[in-house]
ModelCIF file with pLDDT and N, C-alpha, C, O atoms, coordinates in Angstrom:
data_MODEL
#
_entry.id   MODEL 
#
_entity.id                         1 
_entity.type                       polymer 
_entity.pdbx_number_of_molecules   1 
#
_entity_poly.entity_id                      1 
_entity_poly.type                           'polypeptide(L)' 
_entity_poly.nstd_linkage                   no 
_entity_poly.nstd_monomer                   no 
_entity_poly.pdbx_seq_one_letter_code       LVVEGARFGLAVSRFNSLIVDSLQRGAVDCLLRHGAKERDIEVVKVPG 
_entity_poly.pdbx_seq_one_letter_code_can   LVVEGARFGLAVSRFNSLIVDSLQRGAVDCLLRHGAKERDIEVVKVPG 
_entity_poly.pdbx_strand_id                 A 
#
loop_
_entity_poly_seq.entity_id 
_entity_poly_seq.num 
_entity_poly_seq.mon_id 
_entity_poly_seq.hetero 
1 1  LEU n 
1 2  VAL n 
1 3  VAL n 
1 4  GLU n 
1 5  GLY n 
1 6  ALA n 
1 7  ARG n 
1 8  PHE n 
1 9  GLY n 
1 10 LEU n 
1 11 ALA n 
1 12 VAL n 
1 13 SER n 
1 14 ARG n 
1 15 PHE n 
1 16 ASN n 
1 17 SER n 
1 18 LEU n 
1 19 ILE n 
1 20 VAL n 
1 21 ASP n 
1 22 SER n 
1 23 LEU n 
1 24 GLN n 
1 25 ARG n 
1 26 GLY n 
1 27 ALA n 
1 28 VAL n 
1 29 ASP n 
1 30 CYS n 
1 31 LEU n 
1 32 LEU n 
1 33 ARG n 
1 34 HIS n 
1 35 GLY n 
1 36 ALA n 
1 37 LYS n 
1 38 GLU n 
1 39 ARG n 
1 40 ASP n 
1 41 ILE n 
1 42 GLU n 
1 43 VAL n 
1 44 VAL n 
1 45 LYS n 
1 46 VAL n 
1 47 PRO n 
1 48 GLY n 
#
_struct_asym.id          A 
_struct_asym.entity_id   1 
#
loop_
_ma_qa_metric.id 
_ma_qa_metric.mode 
_ma_qa_metric.name 
_ma_qa_metric.software_group_id 
_ma_qa_metric.type 
1 global pLDDT . pLDDT 
2 local  pLDDT . pLDDT 
#
_ma_qa_metric_global.metric_id      1 
_ma_qa_metric_global.metric_value   97.25 
_ma_qa_metric_global.model_id       1 
_ma_qa_metric_global.ordinal_id     1 
#
loop_
_ma_qa_metric_local.label_asym_id 
_ma_qa_metric_local.label_comp_id 
_ma_qa_metric_local.label_seq_id 
_ma_qa_metric_local.metric_id 
_ma_qa_metric_local.metric_value 
_ma_qa_metric_local.model_id 
_ma_qa_metric_local.ordinal_id 
A LEU 1  2 94.00 1 1  
A VAL 2  2 94.00 1 2  
A VAL 3  2 96.00 1 3  
A GLU 4  2 94.00 1 4  
A GLY 5  2 95.00 1 5  
A ALA 6  2 97.00 1 6  
A ARG 7  2 98.00 1 7  
A PHE 8  2 98.00 1 8  
A GLY 9  2 98.00 1 9  
A LEU 10 2 98.00 1 10 
A ALA 11 2 98.00 1 11 
A VAL 12 2 98.00 1 12 
A SER 13 2 98.00 1 13 
A ARG 14 2 98.00 1 14 
A PHE 15 2 96.00 1 15 
A ASN 16 2 95.00 1 16 
A SER 17 2 96.00 1 17 
A LEU 18 2 94.00 1 18 
A ILE 19 2 97.00 1 19 
A VAL 20 2 98.00 1 20 
A ASP 21 2 97.00 1 21 
A SER 22 2 97.00 1 22 
A LEU 23 2 98.00 1 23 
A GLN 24 2 98.00 1 24 
A ARG 25 2 97.00 1 25 
A GLY 26 2 97.00 1 26 
A ALA 27 2 98.00 1 27 
A VAL 28 2 98.00 1 28 
A ASP 29 2 97.00 1 29 
A CYS 30 2 98.00 1 30 
A LEU 31 2 98.00 1 31 
A LEU 32 2 98.00 1 32 
A ARG 33 2 98.00 1 33 
A HIS 34 2 98.00 1 34 
A GLY 35 2 98.00 1 35 
A ALA 36 2 98.00 1 36 
A LYS 37 2 98.00 1 37 
A GLU 38 2 98.00 1 38 
A ARG 39 2 98.00 1 39 
A ASP 40 2 98.00 1 40 
A ILE 41 2 98.00 1 41 
A GLU 42 2 98.00 1 42 
A VAL 43 2 98.00 1 43 
A VAL 44 2 98.00 1 44 
A LYS 45 2 98.00 1 45 
A VAL 46 2 98.00 1 46 
A PRO 47 2 98.00 1 47 
A GLY 48 2 97.00 1 48 
#
loop_
_atom_site.group_PDB 
_atom_site.id 
_atom_site.type_symbol 
_atom_site.label_atom_id 
_atom_site.label_alt_id 
_atom_site.label_comp_id 
_atom_site.label_asym_id 
_atom_site.label_entity_id 
_atom_site.label_seq_id 
_atom_site.pdbx_PDB_ins_code 
_atom_site.Cartn_x 
_atom_site.Cartn_y 
_atom_site.Cartn_z 
_atom_site.occupancy 
_atom_site.B_iso_or_equiv 
_atom_site.pdbx_formal_charge 
_atom_site.auth_seq_id 
_atom_site.auth_comp_id 
_atom_site.auth_asym_id 
_atom_site.auth_atom_id 
_atom_site.pdbx_PDB_model_num 
ATOM 1   N N  . LEU A 1 1  ? 4.581  12.749  10.425 1.00 94.00 ? 1  LEU A N  1 
ATOM 2   C CA . LEU A 1 1  ? 3.532  11.358  9.855  1.00 94.00 ? 1  LEU A CA 1 
ATOM 3   C C  . LEU A 1 1  ? 2.493  12.224  8.574  1.00 94.00 ? 1  LEU A C  1 
ATOM 4   O O  . LEU A 1 1  ? 1.391  11.845  8.178  1.00 94.00 ? 1  LEU A O  1 
ATOM 5   N N  . VAL A 1 2  ? 3.060  13.143  8.240  1.00 94.00 ? 2  VAL A N  1 
ATOM 6   C CA . VAL A 1 2  ? 2.599  13.715  7.104  1.00 94.00 ? 2  VAL A CA 1 
ATOM 7   C C  . VAL A 1 2  ? 3.114  13.408  5.882  1.00 94.00 ? 2  VAL A C  1 
ATOM 8   O O  . VAL A 1 2  ? 4.302  13.096  5.958  1.00 94.00 ? 2  VAL A O  1 
ATOM 9   N N  . VAL A 1 3  ? 2.546  13.372  4.513  1.00 96.00 ? 3  VAL A N  1 
ATOM 10  C CA . VAL A 1 3  ? 2.930  12.942  3.161  1.00 96.00 ? 3  VAL A CA 1 
ATOM 11  C C  . VAL A 1 3  ? 2.874  14.025  2.348  1.00 96.00 ? 3  VAL A C  1 
ATOM 12  O O  . VAL A 1 3  ? 1.873  14.622  1.950  1.00 96.00 ? 3  VAL A O  1 
ATOM 13  N N  . GLU A 1 4  ? 4.192  14.268  2.096  1.00 94.00 ? 4  GLU A N  1 
ATOM 14  C CA . GLU A 1 4  ? 4.383  15.589  1.292  1.00 94.00 ? 4  GLU A CA 1 
ATOM 15  C C  . GLU A 1 4  ? 5.189  14.911  -0.055 1.00 94.00 ? 4  GLU A C  1 
ATOM 16  O O  . GLU A 1 4  ? 6.381  14.608  -0.094 1.00 94.00 ? 4  GLU A O  1 
ATOM 17  N N  . GLY A 1 5  ? 4.201  14.769  -1.124 1.00 95.00 ? 5  GLY A N  1 
ATOM 18  C CA . GLY A 1 5  ? 4.848  14.302  -2.268 1.00 95.00 ? 5  GLY A CA 1 
ATOM 19  C C  . GLY A 1 5  ? 5.937  13.322  -2.110 1.00 95.00 ? 5  GLY A C  1 
ATOM 20  O O  . GLY A 1 5  ? 7.024  13.352  -2.688 1.00 95.00 ? 5  GLY A O  1 
ATOM 21  N N  . ALA A 1 6  ? 5.476  12.358  -1.172 1.00 97.00 ? 6  ALA A N  1 
ATOM 22  C CA . ALA A 1 6  ? 6.467  11.364  -1.321 1.00 97.00 ? 6  ALA A CA 1 
ATOM 23  C C  . ALA A 1 6  ? 6.041  9.754   -2.185 1.00 97.00 ? 6  ALA A C  1 
ATOM 24  O O  . ALA A 1 6  ? 4.861  9.414   -2.283 1.00 97.00 ? 6  ALA A O  1 
ATOM 25  N N  . ARG A 1 7  ? 6.794  9.187   -2.558 1.00 98.00 ? 7  ARG A N  1 
ATOM 26  C CA . ARG A 1 7  ? 5.913  8.019   -3.917 1.00 98.00 ? 7  ARG A CA 1 
ATOM 27  C C  . ARG A 1 7  ? 6.409  6.611   -2.794 1.00 98.00 ? 7  ARG A C  1 
ATOM 28  O O  . ARG A 1 7  ? 7.554  6.457   -2.371 1.00 98.00 ? 7  ARG A O  1 
ATOM 29  N N  . PHE A 1 8  ? 5.395  5.834   -2.530 1.00 98.00 ? 8  PHE A N  1 
ATOM 30  C CA . PHE A 1 8  ? 5.596  4.308   -1.688 1.00 98.00 ? 8  PHE A CA 1 
ATOM 31  C C  . PHE A 1 8  ? 4.891  3.221   -2.862 1.00 98.00 ? 8  PHE A C  1 
ATOM 32  O O  . PHE A 1 8  ? 3.783  3.200   -3.400 1.00 98.00 ? 8  PHE A O  1 
ATOM 33  N N  . GLY A 1 9  ? 6.069  2.371   -2.966 1.00 98.00 ? 9  GLY A N  1 
ATOM 34  C CA . GLY A 1 9  ? 6.195  0.924   -3.716 1.00 98.00 ? 9  GLY A CA 1 
ATOM 35  C C  . GLY A 1 9  ? 5.903  0.202   -2.205 1.00 98.00 ? 9  GLY A C  1 
ATOM 36  O O  . GLY A 1 9  ? 6.513  0.329   -1.143 1.00 98.00 ? 9  GLY A O  1 
ATOM 37  N N  . LEU A 1 10 ? 4.346  -0.857  -2.671 1.00 98.00 ? 10 LEU A N  1 
ATOM 38  C CA . LEU A 1 10 ? 4.105  -1.573  -2.036 1.00 98.00 ? 10 LEU A CA 1 
ATOM 39  C C  . LEU A 1 10 ? 4.506  -2.945  -2.662 1.00 98.00 ? 10 LEU A C  1 
ATOM 40  O O  . LEU A 1 10 ? 4.033  -3.385  -3.710 1.00 98.00 ? 10 LEU A O  1 
ATOM 41  N N  . ALA A 1 11 ? 5.512  -3.609  -1.825 1.00 98.00 ? 11 ALA A N  1 
ATOM 42  C CA . ALA A 1 11 ? 5.525  -5.136  -2.618 1.00 98.00 ? 11 ALA A CA 1 
ATOM 43  C C  . ALA A 1 11 ? 4.518  -6.430  -1.387 1.00 98.00 ? 11 ALA A C  1 
ATOM 44  O O  . ALA A 1 11 ? 4.565  -6.760  -0.202 1.00 98.00 ? 11 ALA A O  1 
ATOM 45  N N  . VAL A 1 12 ? 3.988  -6.653  -2.197 1.00 98.00 ? 12 VAL A N  1 
ATOM 46  C CA . VAL A 1 12 ? 2.677  -7.316  -1.757 1.00 98.00 ? 12 VAL A CA 1 
ATOM 47  C C  . VAL A 1 12 ? 2.525  -8.762  -2.104 1.00 98.00 ? 12 VAL A C  1 
ATOM 48  O O  . VAL A 1 12 ? 2.413  -9.183  -3.256 1.00 98.00 ? 12 VAL A O  1 
ATOM 49  N N  . SER A 1 13 ? 2.530  -9.681  -0.729 1.00 98.00 ? 13 SER A N  1 
ATOM 50  C CA . SER A 1 13 ? 2.609  -10.753 -1.453 1.00 98.00 ? 13 SER A CA 1 
ATOM 51  C C  . SER A 1 13 ? 1.304  -11.700 -1.647 1.00 98.00 ? 13 SER A C  1 
ATOM 52  O O  . SER A 1 13 ? 0.494  -11.801 -0.725 1.00 98.00 ? 13 SER A O  1 
ATOM 53  N N  . ARG A 1 14 ? 1.090  -12.533 -3.129 1.00 98.00 ? 14 ARG A N  1 
ATOM 54  C CA . ARG A 1 14 ? -0.390 -12.795 -3.119 1.00 98.00 ? 14 ARG A CA 1 
ATOM 55  C C  . ARG A 1 14 ? -0.388 -14.157 -1.819 1.00 98.00 ? 14 ARG A C  1 
ATOM 56  O O  . ARG A 1 14 ? -1.424 -14.147 -1.155 1.00 98.00 ? 14 ARG A O  1 
ATOM 57  N N  . PHE A 1 15 ? 0.488  -15.108 -1.480 1.00 96.00 ? 15 PHE A N  1 
ATOM 58  C CA . PHE A 1 15 ? 0.270  -16.158 -0.724 1.00 96.00 ? 15 PHE A CA 1 
ATOM 59  C C  . PHE A 1 15 ? -0.472 -15.807 0.719  1.00 96.00 ? 15 PHE A C  1 
ATOM 60  O O  . PHE A 1 15 ? 0.025  -14.958 1.460  1.00 96.00 ? 15 PHE A O  1 
ATOM 61  N N  . ASN A 1 16 ? -1.260 -16.261 0.948  1.00 95.00 ? 16 ASN A N  1 
ATOM 62  C CA . ASN A 1 16 ? -2.442 -15.791 2.256  1.00 95.00 ? 16 ASN A CA 1 
ATOM 63  C C  . ASN A 1 16 ? -3.052 -14.495 1.905  1.00 95.00 ? 16 ASN A C  1 
ATOM 64  O O  . ASN A 1 16 ? -3.052 -13.444 2.545  1.00 95.00 ? 16 ASN A O  1 
ATOM 65  N N  . SER A 1 17 ? -3.559 -14.771 0.788  1.00 96.00 ? 17 SER A N  1 
ATOM 66  C CA . SER A 1 17 ? -4.296 -13.457 0.060  1.00 96.00 ? 17 SER A CA 1 
ATOM 67  C C  . SER A 1 17 ? -5.380 -12.886 0.891  1.00 96.00 ? 17 SER A C  1 
ATOM 68  O O  . SER A 1 17 ? -5.588 -11.682 0.742  1.00 96.00 ? 17 SER A O  1 
ATOM 69  N N  . LEU A 1 18 ? -6.454 -13.851 2.143  1.00 94.00 ? 18 LEU A N  1 
ATOM 70  C CA . LEU A 1 18 ? -7.626 -13.775 2.662  1.00 94.00 ? 18 LEU A CA 1 
ATOM 71  C C  . LEU A 1 18 ? -6.757 -12.236 3.880  1.00 94.00 ? 18 LEU A C  1 
ATOM 72  O O  . LEU A 1 18 ? -7.291 -11.159 4.144  1.00 94.00 ? 18 LEU A O  1 
ATOM 73  N N  . ILE A 1 19 ? -5.189 -12.788 4.412  1.00 97.00 ? 19 ILE A N  1 
ATOM 74  C CA . ILE A 1 19 ? -4.768 -12.012 5.620  1.00 97.00 ? 19 ILE A CA 1 
ATOM 75  C C  . ILE A 1 19 ? -4.408 -11.020 4.418  1.00 97.00 ? 19 ILE A C  1 
ATOM 76  O O  . ILE A 1 19 ? -5.041 -9.968  4.518  1.00 97.00 ? 19 ILE A O  1 
ATOM 77  N N  . VAL A 1 20 ? -3.656 -11.069 3.434  1.00 98.00 ? 20 VAL A N  1 
ATOM 78  C CA . VAL A 1 20 ? -2.380 -9.931  3.321  1.00 98.00 ? 20 VAL A CA 1 
ATOM 79  C C  . VAL A 1 20 ? -3.403 -9.210  2.143  1.00 98.00 ? 20 VAL A C  1 
ATOM 80  O O  . VAL A 1 20 ? -2.623 -8.384  1.670  1.00 98.00 ? 20 VAL A O  1 
ATOM 81  N N  . ASP A 1 21 ? -4.220 -9.102  1.669  1.00 97.00 ? 21 ASP A N  1 
ATOM 82  C CA . ASP A 1 21 ? -5.130 -8.156  0.958  1.00 97.00 ? 21 ASP A CA 1 
ATOM 83  C C  . ASP A 1 21 ? -5.683 -7.073  2.153  1.00 97.00 ? 21 ASP A C  1 
ATOM 84  O O  . ASP A 1 21 ? -5.842 -5.872  1.937  1.00 97.00 ? 21 ASP A O  1 
ATOM 85  N N  . SER A 1 22 ? -5.952 -7.766  3.503  1.00 97.00 ? 22 SER A N  1 
ATOM 86  C CA . SER A 1 22 ? -6.369 -6.904  4.146  1.00 97.00 ? 22 SER A CA 1 
ATOM 87  C C  . SER A 1 22 ? -5.409 -5.744  4.917  1.00 97.00 ? 22 SER A C  1 
ATOM 88  O O  . SER A 1 22 ? -5.667 -4.621  5.348  1.00 97.00 ? 22 SER A O  1 
ATOM 89  N N  . LEU A 1 23 ? -4.107 -6.604  4.879  1.00 98.00 ? 23 LEU A N  1 
ATOM 90  C CA . LEU A 1 23 ? -2.771 -5.561  5.688  1.00 98.00 ? 23 LEU A CA 1 
ATOM 91  C C  . LEU A 1 23 ? -2.695 -4.829  4.028  1.00 98.00 ? 23 LEU A C  1 
ATOM 92  O O  . LEU A 1 23 ? -2.407 -3.649  4.228  1.00 98.00 ? 23 LEU A O  1 
ATOM 93  N N  . GLN A 1 24 ? -2.820 -5.034  2.699  1.00 98.00 ? 24 GLN A N  1 
ATOM 94  C CA . GLN A 1 24 ? -2.938 -3.751  2.000  1.00 98.00 ? 24 GLN A CA 1 
ATOM 95  C C  . GLN A 1 24 ? -4.070 -2.969  2.348  1.00 98.00 ? 24 GLN A C  1 
ATOM 96  O O  . GLN A 1 24 ? -3.835 -2.305  3.358  1.00 98.00 ? 24 GLN A O  1 
ATOM 97  N N  . ARG A 1 25 ? -4.939 -2.841  1.999  1.00 97.00 ? 25 ARG A N  1 
ATOM 98  C CA . ARG A 1 25 ? -6.032 -1.968  2.059  1.00 97.00 ? 25 ARG A CA 1 
ATOM 99  C C  . ARG A 1 25 ? -5.639 -1.161  3.686  1.00 97.00 ? 25 ARG A C  1 
ATOM 100 O O  . ARG A 1 25 ? -5.788 0.054   3.820  1.00 97.00 ? 25 ARG A O  1 
ATOM 101 N N  . GLY A 1 26 ? -5.202 -1.933  4.671  1.00 97.00 ? 26 GLY A N  1 
ATOM 102 C CA . GLY A 1 26 ? -4.397 -0.983  5.921  1.00 97.00 ? 26 GLY A CA 1 
ATOM 103 C C  . GLY A 1 26 ? -3.418 0.322   5.658  1.00 97.00 ? 26 GLY A C  1 
ATOM 104 O O  . GLY A 1 26 ? -3.382 1.470   6.100  1.00 97.00 ? 26 GLY A O  1 
ATOM 105 N N  . ALA A 1 27 ? -2.590 -0.494  4.650  1.00 98.00 ? 27 ALA A N  1 
ATOM 106 C CA . ALA A 1 27 ? -1.691 0.132   4.289  1.00 98.00 ? 27 ALA A CA 1 
ATOM 107 C C  . ALA A 1 27 ? -2.217 1.655   3.149  1.00 98.00 ? 27 ALA A C  1 
ATOM 108 O O  . ALA A 1 27 ? -2.267 2.861   3.389  1.00 98.00 ? 27 ALA A O  1 
ATOM 109 N N  . VAL A 1 28 ? -2.430 1.097   2.298  1.00 98.00 ? 28 VAL A N  1 
ATOM 110 C CA . VAL A 1 28 ? -3.260 1.921   1.576  1.00 98.00 ? 28 VAL A CA 1 
ATOM 111 C C  . VAL A 1 28 ? -4.104 2.937   2.386  1.00 98.00 ? 28 VAL A C  1 
ATOM 112 O O  . VAL A 1 28 ? -3.815 4.100   2.103  1.00 98.00 ? 28 VAL A O  1 
ATOM 113 N N  . ASP A 1 29 ? -4.910 2.821   3.166  1.00 97.00 ? 29 ASP A N  1 
ATOM 114 C CA . ASP A 1 29 ? -5.880 3.725   3.457  1.00 97.00 ? 29 ASP A CA 1 
ATOM 115 C C  . ASP A 1 29 ? -4.935 4.781   4.633  1.00 97.00 ? 29 ASP A C  1 
ATOM 116 O O  . ASP A 1 29 ? -5.233 5.944   4.904  1.00 97.00 ? 29 ASP A O  1 
ATOM 117 N N  . CYS A 1 30 ? -4.017 4.175   5.076  1.00 98.00 ? 30 CYS A N  1 
ATOM 118 C CA . CYS A 1 30 ? -3.058 4.903   6.077  1.00 98.00 ? 30 CYS A CA 1 
ATOM 119 C C  . CYS A 1 30 ? -2.212 6.126   5.180  1.00 98.00 ? 30 CYS A C  1 
ATOM 120 O O  . CYS A 1 30 ? -2.085 7.307   5.501  1.00 98.00 ? 30 CYS A O  1 
ATOM 121 N N  . LEU A 1 31 ? -1.743 5.515   4.093  1.00 98.00 ? 31 LEU A N  1 
ATOM 122 C CA . LEU A 1 31 ? -0.891 6.525   3.486  1.00 98.00 ? 31 LEU A CA 1 
ATOM 123 C C  . LEU A 1 31 ? -1.789 7.597   2.613  1.00 98.00 ? 31 LEU A C  1 
ATOM 124 O O  . LEU A 1 31 ? -1.102 8.545   2.234  1.00 98.00 ? 31 LEU A O  1 
ATOM 125 N N  . LEU A 1 32 ? -3.312 7.665   2.167  1.00 98.00 ? 32 LEU A N  1 
ATOM 126 C CA . LEU A 1 32 ? -4.056 8.285   1.921  1.00 98.00 ? 32 LEU A CA 1 
ATOM 127 C C  . LEU A 1 32 ? -4.820 9.240   3.298  1.00 98.00 ? 32 LEU A C  1 
ATOM 128 O O  . LEU A 1 32 ? -5.284 10.358  3.075  1.00 98.00 ? 32 LEU A O  1 
ATOM 129 N N  . ARG A 1 33 ? -4.848 8.763   4.360  1.00 98.00 ? 33 ARG A N  1 
ATOM 130 C CA . ARG A 1 33 ? -4.995 9.191   5.197  1.00 98.00 ? 33 ARG A CA 1 
ATOM 131 C C  . ARG A 1 33 ? -4.013 10.277  5.856  1.00 98.00 ? 33 ARG A C  1 
ATOM 132 O O  . ARG A 1 33 ? -4.552 11.176  6.502  1.00 98.00 ? 33 ARG A O  1 
ATOM 133 N N  . HIS A 1 34 ? -2.620 10.266  5.744  1.00 98.00 ? 34 HIS A N  1 
ATOM 134 C CA . HIS A 1 34 ? -2.151 10.848  5.862  1.00 98.00 ? 34 HIS A CA 1 
ATOM 135 C C  . HIS A 1 34 ? -1.132 11.869  4.942  1.00 98.00 ? 34 HIS A C  1 
ATOM 136 O O  . HIS A 1 34 ? -0.059 12.376  5.270  1.00 98.00 ? 34 HIS A O  1 
ATOM 137 N N  . GLY A 1 35 ? -1.702 11.944  3.981  1.00 98.00 ? 35 GLY A N  1 
ATOM 138 C CA . GLY A 1 35 ? -1.927 12.709  2.760  1.00 98.00 ? 35 GLY A CA 1 
ATOM 139 C C  . GLY A 1 35 ? -1.123 12.363  1.342  1.00 98.00 ? 35 GLY A C  1 
ATOM 140 O O  . GLY A 1 35 ? -0.814 13.206  0.500  1.00 98.00 ? 35 GLY A O  1 
ATOM 141 N N  . ALA A 1 36 ? -0.862 10.975  1.271  1.00 98.00 ? 36 ALA A N  1 
ATOM 142 C CA . ALA A 1 36 ? -0.453 10.707  -0.338 1.00 98.00 ? 36 ALA A CA 1 
ATOM 143 C C  . ALA A 1 36 ? -1.311 10.637  -1.424 1.00 98.00 ? 36 ALA A C  1 
ATOM 144 O O  . ALA A 1 36 ? -2.458 10.570  -0.983 1.00 98.00 ? 36 ALA A O  1 
ATOM 145 N N  . LYS A 1 37 ? -1.302 10.626  -2.313 1.00 98.00 ? 37 LYS A N  1 
ATOM 146 C CA . LYS A 1 37 ? -2.087 10.883  -3.281 1.00 98.00 ? 37 LYS A CA 1 
ATOM 147 C C  . LYS A 1 37 ? -2.322 9.016   -3.933 1.00 98.00 ? 37 LYS A C  1 
ATOM 148 O O  . LYS A 1 37 ? -1.322 8.306   -3.831 1.00 98.00 ? 37 LYS A O  1 
ATOM 149 N N  . GLU A 1 38 ? -3.068 8.643   -4.289 1.00 98.00 ? 38 GLU A N  1 
ATOM 150 C CA . GLU A 1 38 ? -3.212 7.583   -5.125 1.00 98.00 ? 38 GLU A CA 1 
ATOM 151 C C  . GLU A 1 38 ? -2.088 7.251   -6.420 1.00 98.00 ? 38 GLU A C  1 
ATOM 152 O O  . GLU A 1 38 ? -1.605 6.177   -6.779 1.00 98.00 ? 38 GLU A O  1 
ATOM 153 N N  . ARG A 1 39 ? -1.928 8.426   -6.865 1.00 98.00 ? 39 ARG A N  1 
ATOM 154 C CA . ARG A 1 39 ? -0.818 8.173   -8.294 1.00 98.00 ? 39 ARG A CA 1 
ATOM 155 C C  . ARG A 1 39 ? 0.384  8.077   -7.718 1.00 98.00 ? 39 ARG A C  1 
ATOM 156 O O  . ARG A 1 39 ? 1.315  8.039   -8.522 1.00 98.00 ? 39 ARG A O  1 
ATOM 157 N N  . ASP A 1 40 ? 0.695  8.020   -6.463 1.00 98.00 ? 40 ASP A N  1 
ATOM 158 C CA . ASP A 1 40 ? 1.798  7.965   -5.682 1.00 98.00 ? 40 ASP A CA 1 
ATOM 159 C C  . ASP A 1 40 ? 2.068  6.762   -4.963 1.00 98.00 ? 40 ASP A C  1 
ATOM 160 O O  . ASP A 1 40 ? 2.872  6.806   -4.032 1.00 98.00 ? 40 ASP A O  1 
ATOM 161 N N  . ILE A 1 41 ? 1.605  5.888   -5.216 1.00 98.00 ? 41 ILE A N  1 
ATOM 162 C CA . ILE A 1 41 ? 1.299  4.844   -4.501 1.00 98.00 ? 41 ILE A CA 1 
ATOM 163 C C  . ILE A 1 41 ? 1.210  3.445   -5.353 1.00 98.00 ? 41 ILE A C  1 
ATOM 164 O O  . ILE A 1 41 ? 0.032  3.256   -5.654 1.00 98.00 ? 41 ILE A O  1 
ATOM 165 N N  . GLU A 1 42 ? 2.020  2.457   -5.815 1.00 98.00 ? 42 GLU A N  1 
ATOM 166 C CA . GLU A 1 42 ? 1.991  1.524   -6.606 1.00 98.00 ? 42 GLU A CA 1 
ATOM 167 C C  . GLU A 1 42 ? 2.470  0.630   -5.912 1.00 98.00 ? 42 GLU A C  1 
ATOM 168 O O  . GLU A 1 42 ? 3.296  0.883   -5.035 1.00 98.00 ? 42 GLU A O  1 
ATOM 169 N N  . VAL A 1 43 ? 1.945  -0.867  -6.230 1.00 98.00 ? 43 VAL A N  1 
ATOM 170 C CA . VAL A 1 43 ? 1.447  -2.125  -5.846 1.00 98.00 ? 43 VAL A CA 1 
ATOM 171 C C  . VAL A 1 43 ? 1.831  -3.217  -6.405 1.00 98.00 ? 43 VAL A C  1 
ATOM 172 O O  . VAL A 1 43 ? 1.051  -3.751  -7.193 1.00 98.00 ? 43 VAL A O  1 
ATOM 173 N N  . VAL A 1 44 ? 3.028  -3.780  -6.163 1.00 98.00 ? 44 VAL A N  1 
ATOM 174 C CA . VAL A 1 44 ? 3.463  -4.743  -7.033 1.00 98.00 ? 44 VAL A CA 1 
ATOM 175 C C  . VAL A 1 44 ? 3.219  -6.194  -6.163 1.00 98.00 ? 44 VAL A C  1 
ATOM 176 O O  . VAL A 1 44 ? 3.559  -6.288  -4.983 1.00 98.00 ? 44 VAL A O  1 
ATOM 177 N N  . LYS A 1 45 ? 2.754  -7.006  -6.714 1.00 98.00 ? 45 LYS A N  1 
ATOM 178 C CA . LYS A 1 45 ? 2.352  -8.167  -6.535 1.00 98.00 ? 45 LYS A CA 1 
ATOM 179 C C  . LYS A 1 45 ? 3.523  -9.328  -6.775 1.00 98.00 ? 45 LYS A C  1 
ATOM 180 O O  . LYS A 1 45 ? 4.087  -9.417  -7.866 1.00 98.00 ? 45 LYS A O  1 
ATOM 181 N N  . VAL A 1 46 ? 3.813  -10.139 -5.751 1.00 98.00 ? 46 VAL A N  1 
ATOM 182 C CA . VAL A 1 46 ? 4.895  -11.290 -5.823 1.00 98.00 ? 46 VAL A CA 1 
ATOM 183 C C  . VAL A 1 46 ? 4.021  -12.652 -5.490 1.00 98.00 ? 46 VAL A C  1 
ATOM 184 O O  . VAL A 1 46 ? 3.012  -12.609 -4.786 1.00 98.00 ? 46 VAL A O  1 
ATOM 185 N N  . PRO A 1 47 ? 4.563  -13.943 -6.120 1.00 98.00 ? 47 PRO A N  1 
ATOM 186 C CA . PRO A 1 47 ? 3.917  -15.059 -5.463 1.00 98.00 ? 47 PRO A CA 1 
ATOM 187 C C  . PRO A 1 47 ? 3.478  -15.229 -3.891 1.00 98.00 ? 47 PRO A C  1 
ATOM 188 O O  . PRO A 1 47 ? 2.412  -15.544 -3.360 1.00 98.00 ? 47 PRO A O  1 
ATOM 189 N N  . GLY A 1 48 ? 5.072  -14.801 -3.267 1.00 97.00 ? 48 GLY A N  1 
ATOM 190 C CA . GLY A 1 48 ? 5.206  -15.033 -1.581 1.00 97.00 ? 48 GLY A CA 1 
ATOM 191 C C  . GLY A 1 48 ? 5.978  -14.498 -1.212 1.00 97.00 ? 48 GLY A C  1 
ATOM 192 O O  . GLY A 1 48 ? 6.236  -14.536 -0.009 1.00 97.00 ? 48 GLY A O  1 
#
């Protein structure tokens, strides 16, 4: 569970954003706490 140079793409729905924004924060926080760099995380927003 240690990130070493991996790149992560997040495909994130905008629908139900009250909920999904929290899921996104949780995912990004987890990635960073396990060693990912901000530059290695990309979020792509989709309608639903």
